[in-house]
PDB file of N, CA and C in Angstrom:
ATOM      1  N   MET A   1       0.991  -0.975   0.151  1.00  0.00           N
ATOM      2  CA  MET A   1       0.159   0.199   0.224  1.00  0.00           C
ATOM      3  C   MET A   1       0.914   1.255  -0.205  1.00  0.00           C
ATOM      4  N   VAL A   2       0.802   2.051  -0.923  1.00  0.00           N
ATOM      5  CA  VAL A   2       0.846   3.437  -1.116  1.00  0.00           C
ATOM      6  C   VAL A   2       0.159   4.376   0.084  1.00  0.00           C
ATOM      7  N   LYS A   3       0.809   5.412   1.118  1.00  0.00           N
ATOM      8  CA  LYS A   3       0.227   6.422   1.185  1.00  0.00           C
ATOM      9  C   LYS A   3       1.089   7.656   1.085  1.00  0.00           C
ATOM     10  N   GLN A   4       0.008   8.813   0.804  1.00  0.00           N
ATOM     11  CA  GLN A   4       0.783  10.011   0.796  1.00  0.00           C
ATOM     12  C   GLN A   4       0.446  10.755   1.585  1.00  0.00           C
ATOM     13  N   LEU A   5       1.810  11.369   1.771  1.00  0.00           N
ATOM     14  CA  LEU A   5       1.899  12.008   3.292  1.00  0.00           C
ATOM     15  C   LEU A   5       2.112  13.455   3.420  1.00  0.00           C
ATOM     16  N   THR A   6       2.513  14.668   4.517  1.00  0.00           N
ATOM     17  CA  THR A   6       2.743  15.894   4.229  1.00  0.00           C
ATOM     18  C   THR A   6       4.581  16.039   4.406  1.00  0.00           C
ATOM     19  N   ALA A   7       5.154  16.260   3.353  1.00  0.00           N
ATOM     20  CA  ALA A   7       6.355  16.426   4.131  1.00  0.00           C
ATOM     21  C   ALA A   7       7.024  18.525   4.491  1.00  0.00           C
ATOM     22  N   ILE A   8       6.800  18.350   5.718  1.00  0.00           N
ATOM     23  CA  ILE A   8       7.462  19.735   5.575  1.00  0.00           C
ATOM     24  C   ILE A   8       8.623  20.427   5.511  1.00  0.00           C
ATOM     25  N   ILE A   9       9.590  21.542   5.044  1.00  0.00           N
ATOM     26  CA  ILE A   9      11.281  21.440   5.054  1.00  0.00           C
ATOM     27  C   ILE A   9      11.552  22.173   5.441  1.00  0.00           C
ATOM     28  N   GLU A  10      12.136  22.473   6.382  1.00  0.00           N
ATOM     29  CA  GLU A  10      13.067  24.367   6.604  1.00  0.00           C
ATOM     30  C   GLU A  10      14.329  23.776   7.298  1.00  0.00           C
ATOM     31  N   ARG A  11      14.628  25.139   6.982  1.00  0.00           N
ATOM     32  CA  ARG A  11      16.326  25.016   6.977  1.00  0.00           C
ATOM     33  C   ARG A  11      16.716  25.580   8.149  1.00  0.00           C
ATOM     34  N   GLU A  12      17.125  24.928   8.087  1.00  0.00           N
ATOM     35  CA  GLU A  12      18.094  25.174  10.305  1.00  0.00           C
ATOM     36  C   GLU A  12      19.302  24.723  10.836  1.00  0.00           C
ATOM     37  N   ASP A  13      20.217  26.431  10.616  1.00  0.00           N
ATOM     38  CA  ASP A  13      21.167  26.505  10.797  1.00  0.00           C
ATOM     39  C   ASP A  13      21.976  26.156   9.425  1.00  0.00           C
ATOM     40  N   ASP A  14      23.077  25.350   9.560  1.00  0.00           N
ATOM     41  CA  ASP A  14      23.425  24.585   8.279  1.00  0.00           C
ATOM     42  C   ASP A  14      23.210  23.946   7.306  1.00  0.00           C
ATOM     43  N   GLY A  15      21.926  22.821   7.299  1.00  0.00           N
ATOM     44  CA  GLY A  15      21.486  21.985   6.711  1.00  0.00           C
ATOM     45  C   GLY A  15      19.312  22.230   6.975  1.00  0.00           C
ATOM     46  N   TYR A  16      19.209  21.314   6.625  1.00  0.00           N
ATOM     47  CA  TYR A  16      17.300  21.241   6.401  1.00  0.00           C
ATOM     48  C   TYR A  16      16.471  19.940   7.717  1.00  0.00           C
ATOM     49  N   VAL A  17      15.473  20.397   8.429  1.00  0.00           N
ATOM     50  CA  VAL A  17      14.716  19.711   8.938  1.00  0.00           C
ATOM     51  C   VAL A  17      13.393  18.998   8.476  1.00  0.00           C
ATOM     52  N   ALA A  18      13.153  17.947   8.340  1.00  0.00           N
ATOM     53  CA  ALA A  18      11.673  17.636   7.503  1.00  0.00           C
ATOM     54  C   ALA A  18      10.778  17.040   8.401  1.00  0.00           C
ATOM     55  N   LEU A  19       9.729  17.513   8.369  1.00  0.00           N
ATOM     56  CA  LEU A  19       8.434  16.667   9.233  1.00  0.00           C
ATOM     57  C   LEU A  19       8.030  16.304   8.597  1.00  0.00           C
ATOM     58  N   CYS A  20       6.652  15.278   9.217  1.00  0.00           N
ATOM     59  CA  CYS A  20       5.936  14.578   8.719  1.00  0.00           C
ATOM     60  C   CYS A  20       4.425  15.314   9.517  1.00  0.00           C
ATOM     61  N   PRO A  21       3.575  15.819   9.609  1.00  0.00           N
ATOM     62  CA  PRO A  21       3.234  16.140  11.014  1.00  0.00           C
ATOM     63  C   PRO A  21       1.735  15.086  10.861  1.00  0.00           C
ATOM     64  N   GLU A  22       1.521  14.276   9.523  1.00  0.00           N
ATOM     65  CA  GLU A  22       0.556  13.276  10.447  1.00  0.00           C
ATOM     66  C   GLU A  22       1.112  12.255  11.179  1.00  0.00           C
ATOM     67  N   VAL A  23       1.835  12.058  11.500  1.00  0.00           N
ATOM     68  CA  VAL A  23       2.076  11.126  12.055  1.00  0.00           C
ATOM     69  C   VAL A  23       3.584  11.428  13.319  1.00  0.00           C
ATOM     70  N   ASP A  24       3.885  12.660  12.669  1.00  0.00           N
ATOM     71  CA  ASP A  24       4.597  13.656  13.855  1.00  0.00           C
ATOM     72  C   ASP A  24       6.649  12.538  13.498  1.00  0.00           C
ATOM     73  N   VAL A  25       6.952  12.466  12.672  1.00  0.00           N
ATOM     74  CA  VAL A  25       8.407  11.859  12.262  1.00  0.00           C
ATOM     75  C   VAL A  25       9.304  12.720  11.336  1.00  0.00           C
ATOM     76  N   ALA A  26       9.984  13.141  12.303  1.00  0.00           N
ATOM     77  CA  ALA A  26      11.060  14.007  11.088  1.00  0.00           C
ATOM     78  C   ALA A  26      12.261  13.572  11.357  1.00  0.00           C
ATOM     79  N   SER A  27      13.052  13.903  10.231  1.00  0.00           N
ATOM     80  CA  SER A  27      14.331  13.961  10.024  1.00  0.00           C
ATOM     81  C   SER A  27      15.052  15.344   9.409  1.00  0.00           C
ATOM     82  N   GLN A  28      16.481  14.820   8.879  1.00  0.00           N
ATOM     83  CA  GLN A  28      16.655  16.205   8.724  1.00  0.00           C
ATOM     84  C   GLN A  28      18.384  15.970   7.563  1.00  0.00           C
ATOM     85  N   GLY A  29      18.481  16.613   6.829  1.00  0.00           N
ATOM     86  CA  GLY A  29      19.224  16.468   5.605  1.00  0.00           C
ATOM     87  C   GLY A  29      20.587  17.781   5.361  1.00  0.00           C
ATOM     88  N   ASP A  30      21.707  17.653   4.788  1.00  0.00           N
ATOM     89  CA  ASP A  30      22.203  19.070   4.729  1.00  0.00           C
ATOM     90  C   ASP A  30      21.552  19.861   3.348  1.00  0.00           C
ATOM     91  N   THR A  31      21.281  18.384   2.242  1.00  0.00           N
ATOM     92  CA  THR A  31      20.242  19.732   1.070  1.00  0.00           C
ATOM     93  C   THR A  31      18.868  19.046   1.658  1.00  0.00           C
ATOM     94  N   VAL A  32      17.961  20.094   0.650  1.00  0.00           N
ATOM     95  CA  VAL A  32      16.429  19.428   0.288  1.00  0.00           C
ATOM     96  C   VAL A  32      16.082  18.138   0.029  1.00  0.00           C
ATOM     97  N   ARG A  33      16.995  17.731  -1.065  1.00  0.00           N
ATOM     98  CA  ARG A  33      16.730  16.405  -1.483  1.00  0.00           C
ATOM     99  C   ARG A  33      16.834  15.199  -0.584  1.00  0.00           C
ATOM    100  N   GLU A  34      18.216  15.763   0.656  1.00  0.00           N
ATOM    101  CA  GLU A  34      18.445  14.681   1.307  1.00  0.00           C
ATOM    102  C   GLU A  34      17.233  14.854   2.558  1.00  0.00           C
ATOM    103  N   ALA A  35      16.836  15.650   3.069  1.00  0.00           N
ATOM    104  CA  ALA A  35      16.804  15.955   3.816  1.00  0.00           C
ATOM    105  C   ALA A  35      15.044  15.145   3.833  1.00  0.00           C
ATOM    106  N   ARG A  36      14.397  15.006   2.189  1.00  0.00           N
ATOM    107  CA  ARG A  36      12.962  14.528   2.007  1.00  0.00           C
ATOM    108  C   ARG A  36      13.394  12.681   2.059  1.00  0.00           C
ATOM    109  N   ALA A  37      14.388  12.669   1.626  1.00  0.00           N
ATOM    110  CA  ALA A  37      14.788  10.833   1.314  1.00  0.00           C
ATOM    111  C   ALA A  37      14.578  10.381   2.666  1.00  0.00           C
ATOM    112  N   ASN A  38      15.515  11.068   3.585  1.00  0.00           N
ATOM    113  CA  ASN A  38      15.435  10.827   4.997  1.00  0.00           C
ATOM    114  C   ASN A  38      14.356  10.488   5.125  1.00  0.00           C
ATOM    115  N   LEU A  39      13.620  11.728   5.603  1.00  0.00           N
ATOM    116  CA  LEU A  39      11.927  11.747   6.157  1.00  0.00           C
ATOM    117  C   LEU A  39      11.566  10.378   5.268  1.00  0.00           C
ATOM    118  N   LYS A  40      12.006  10.226   4.349  1.00  0.00           N
ATOM    119  CA  LYS A  40      10.541   8.999   3.320  1.00  0.00           C
ATOM    120  C   LYS A  40      11.260   7.643   4.279  1.00  0.00           C
ATOM    121  N   GLU A  41      12.749   7.984   4.162  1.00  0.00           N
ATOM    122  CA  GLU A  41      13.009   6.509   4.655  1.00  0.00           C
ATOM    123  C   GLU A  41      12.718   5.957   6.106  1.00  0.00           C
ATOM    124  N   ALA A  42      12.455   7.283   7.030  1.00  0.00           N
ATOM    125  CA  ALA A  42      12.646   7.054   8.492  1.00  0.00           C
ATOM    126  C   ALA A  42      10.674   6.760   8.369  1.00  0.00           C
ATOM    127  N   LEU A  43      10.206   7.566   7.321  1.00  0.00           N
ATOM    128  CA  LEU A  43       8.650   6.925   7.357  1.00  0.00           C
ATOM    129  C   LEU A  43       8.288   5.773   7.313  1.00  0.00           C
ATOM    130  N   GLU A  44       9.124   5.302   6.577  1.00  0.00           N
ATOM    131  CA  GLU A  44       9.019   4.128   6.076  1.00  0.00           C
ATOM    132  C   GLU A  44       9.906   3.068   7.143  1.00  0.00           C
ATOM    133  N   LEU A  45      10.558   3.231   7.977  1.00  0.00           N
ATOM    134  CA  LEU A  45      11.062   2.187   9.331  1.00  0.00           C
ATOM    135  C   LEU A  45       9.859   2.562   9.697  1.00  0.00           C
ATOM    136  N   PHE A  46       9.582   3.473   9.850  1.00  0.00           N
ATOM    137  CA  PHE A  46       8.108   4.031  10.732  1.00  0.00           C
ATOM    138  C   PHE A  46       6.677   2.787  10.959  1.00  0.00           C
ATOM    139  N   PHE A  47       6.485   2.580   9.650  1.00  0.00           N
ATOM    140  CA  PHE A  47       5.486   2.102   9.723  1.00  0.00           C
ATOM    141  C   PHE A  47       5.702   0.488   9.369  1.00  0.00           C
ATOM    142  N   GLU A  48       6.275  -0.172   9.293  1.00  0.00           N
ATOM    143  CA  GLU A  48       8.033  -0.963   9.371  1.00  0.00           C
ATOM    144  C   GLU A  48       7.671  -1.442  11.031  1.00  0.00           C
ATOM    145  N   VAL A  49       7.781  -0.613  11.606  1.00  0.00           N
ATOM    146  CA  VAL A  49       7.720  -1.295  13.090  1.00  0.00           C
ATOM    147  C   VAL A  49       7.109  -0.922  13.816  1.00  0.00           C
ATOM    148  N   ALA A  50       6.285   0.009  13.714  1.00  0.00           N
ATOM    149  CA  ALA A  50       5.408   0.313  14.653  1.00  0.00           C
ATOM    150  C   ALA A  50       3.825  -0.210  14.310  1.00  0.00           C
ATOM    151  N   SER A  51       3.203  -0.492  15.212  1.00  0.00           N
ATOM    152  CA  SER A  51       2.398  -1.651  16.099  1.00  0.00           C
ATOM    153  C   SER A  51       0.418  -1.177  15.489  1.00  0.00           C
ATOM    154  N   GLN A  52      -0.012  -1.676  14.695  1.00  0.00           N
ATOM    155  CA  GLN A  52      -1.178  -0.529  13.810  1.00  0.00           C
ATOM    156  C   GLN A  52      -1.630   0.401  15.303  1.00  0.00           C
ATOM    157  N   GLU A  53      -1.329   0.111  16.905  1.00  0.00           N
ATOM    158  CA  GLU A  53      -2.235   0.153  18.108  1.00  0.00           C
ATOM    159  C   GLU A  53      -1.498   1.600  17.815  1.00  0.00           C
ATOM    160  N   GLU A  54      -0.167   2.352  17.507  1.00  0.00           N
ATOM    161  CA  GLU A  54       0.579   2.945  18.022  1.00  0.00           C
ATOM    162  C   GLU A  54       0.048   4.030  16.411  1.00  0.00           C
ATOM    163  N   ILE A  55       0.471   3.154  14.884  1.00  0.00           N
ATOM    164  CA  ILE A  55      -0.014   4.410  14.174  1.00  0.00           C
ATOM    165  C   ILE A  55      -1.429   4.949  14.074  1.00  0.00           C
ATOM    166  N   ASN A  56      -2.158   3.688  14.121  1.00  0.00           N
ATOM    167  CA  ASN A  56      -3.973   5.067  14.417  1.00  0.00           C
ATOM    168  C   ASN A  56      -3.892   5.752  15.721  1.00  0.00           C
ATOM    169  N   SER A  57      -3.010   5.328  16.713  1.00  0.00           N
ATOM    170  CA  SER A  57      -2.891   6.203  17.868  1.00  0.00           C
ATOM    171  C   SER A  57      -2.315   8.237  17.314  1.00  0.00           C
ATOM    172  N   ARG A  58      -1.474   8.058  16.462  1.00  0.00           N
ATOM    173  CA  ARG A  58      -0.662   9.149  15.966  1.00  0.00           C
ATOM    174  C   ARG A  58      -0.361   9.776  14.486  1.00  0.00           C
ATOM    175  N   LEU A  59      -1.602   8.633  13.725  1.00  0.00           N
ATOM    176  CA  LEU A  59      -1.680   8.962  12.385  1.00  0.00           C
ATOM    177  C   LEU A  59      -2.786  10.290  12.684  1.00  0.00           C
ATOM    178  N   HIS A  60      -3.010  11.148  12.136  1.00  0.00           N
ATOM    179  CA  HIS A  60      -3.638  12.726  11.723  1.00  0.00           C
ATOM    180  C   HIS A  60      -4.548  12.749  10.855  1.00  0.00           C
ATOM    181  N   GLY A  61      -5.934  12.567  10.197  1.00  0.00           N
ATOM    182  CA  GLY A  61      -6.161  12.322   9.096  1.00  0.00           C
ATOM    183  C   GLY A  61      -6.657  13.503   8.283  1.00  0.00           C
ATOM    184  N   GLU A  62      -6.257  14.711   8.860  1.00  0.00           N
ATOM    185  CA  GLU A  62      -6.355  15.936   7.813  1.00  0.00           C
ATOM    186  C   GLU A  62      -5.152  17.037   8.596  1.00  0.00           C
ATOM    187  N   VAL A  63      -4.397  17.485   7.337  1.00  0.00           N
ATOM    188  CA  VAL A  63      -3.784  18.519   7.832  1.00  0.00           C
ATOM    189  C   VAL A  63      -3.512  19.250   6.748  1.00  0.00           C
ATOM    190  N   TYR A  64      -3.231  20.815   7.701  1.00  0.00           N
ATOM    191  CA  TYR A  64      -3.521  21.959   7.095  1.00  0.00           C
ATOM    192  C   TYR A  64      -2.354  22.566   6.927  1.00  0.00           C
ATOM    193  N   VAL A  65      -2.234  22.783   5.296  1.00  0.00           N
ATOM    194  CA  VAL A  65      -1.091  23.580   5.813  1.00  0.00           C
ATOM    195  C   VAL A  65      -0.832  25.123   5.048  1.00  0.00           C
ATOM    196  N   THR A  66      -0.893  26.115   5.312  1.00  0.00           N
ATOM    197  CA  THR A  66      -1.252  27.282   5.092  1.00  0.00           C
ATOM    198  C   THR A  66      -0.406  28.898   5.520  1.00  0.00           C
ATOM    199  N   HIS A  67      -0.377  29.595   5.183  1.00  0.00           N
ATOM    200  CA  HIS A  67      -0.046  31.117   5.726  1.00  0.00           C
ATOM    201  C   HIS A  67      -0.974  31.640   6.322  1.00  0.00           C
ATOM    202  N   VAL A  68      -0.511  32.577   7.220  1.00  0.00           N
ATOM    203  CA  VAL A  68      -1.822  33.111   8.192  1.00  0.00           C
ATOM    204  C   VAL A  68      -1.055  35.025   8.371  1.00  0.00           C
ATOM    205  N   GLU A  69      -1.517  35.411   8.306  1.00  0.00           N
ATOM    206  CA  GLU A  69      -1.268  36.990   7.921  1.00  0.00           C
ATOM    207  C   GLU A  69      -0.691  37.424  10.031  1.00  0.00           C
ATOM    208  N   VAL A  70       0.103  38.321  10.220  1.00  0.00           N
ATOM    209  CA  VAL A  70       0.345  38.946  11.158  1.00  0.00           C
ATOM    210  C   VAL A  70       0.963  40.250  11.538  1.00  0.00           C
ATOM    211  N   ALA A  71       0.752  41.085  12.374  1.00  0.00           N
ATOM    212  CA  ALA A  71       1.588  42.356  12.069  1.00  0.00           C
ATOM    213  C   ALA A  71       2.891  41.747  13.198  1.00  0.00           C
ATOM    214  N   VAL A  72       3.428  42.489  12.726  1.00  0.00           N
ATOM    215  CA  VAL A  72       4.828  41.998  13.676  1.00  0.00           C
ATOM    216  C   VAL A  72       5.628  44.110  13.751  1.00  0.00           C
ATOM    217  N   GLY A  73       5.733  43.387  14.973  1.00  0.00           N
ATOM    218  CA  GLY A  73       6.584  45.513  14.987  1.00  0.00           C
ATOM    219  C   GLY A  73       5.851  46.552  15.905  1.00  0.00           C
TER     220      GLY A  73
END
């Protein structure tokens, strides 16, 4: 089975951090491509070793990524 999940990648210091908010799994890499690949590997490992109970408790069905305007200063 293939499942499409969200990957949020942001720069942190001299590398990148990738987060999958649906199951709260994160990874990192030196480039965006590497961070994404490492996150994919971490997710595959999570789904391979986690019990169905853990997957069900961590899996969020709806995740929304959007922008919010706020006044600064």
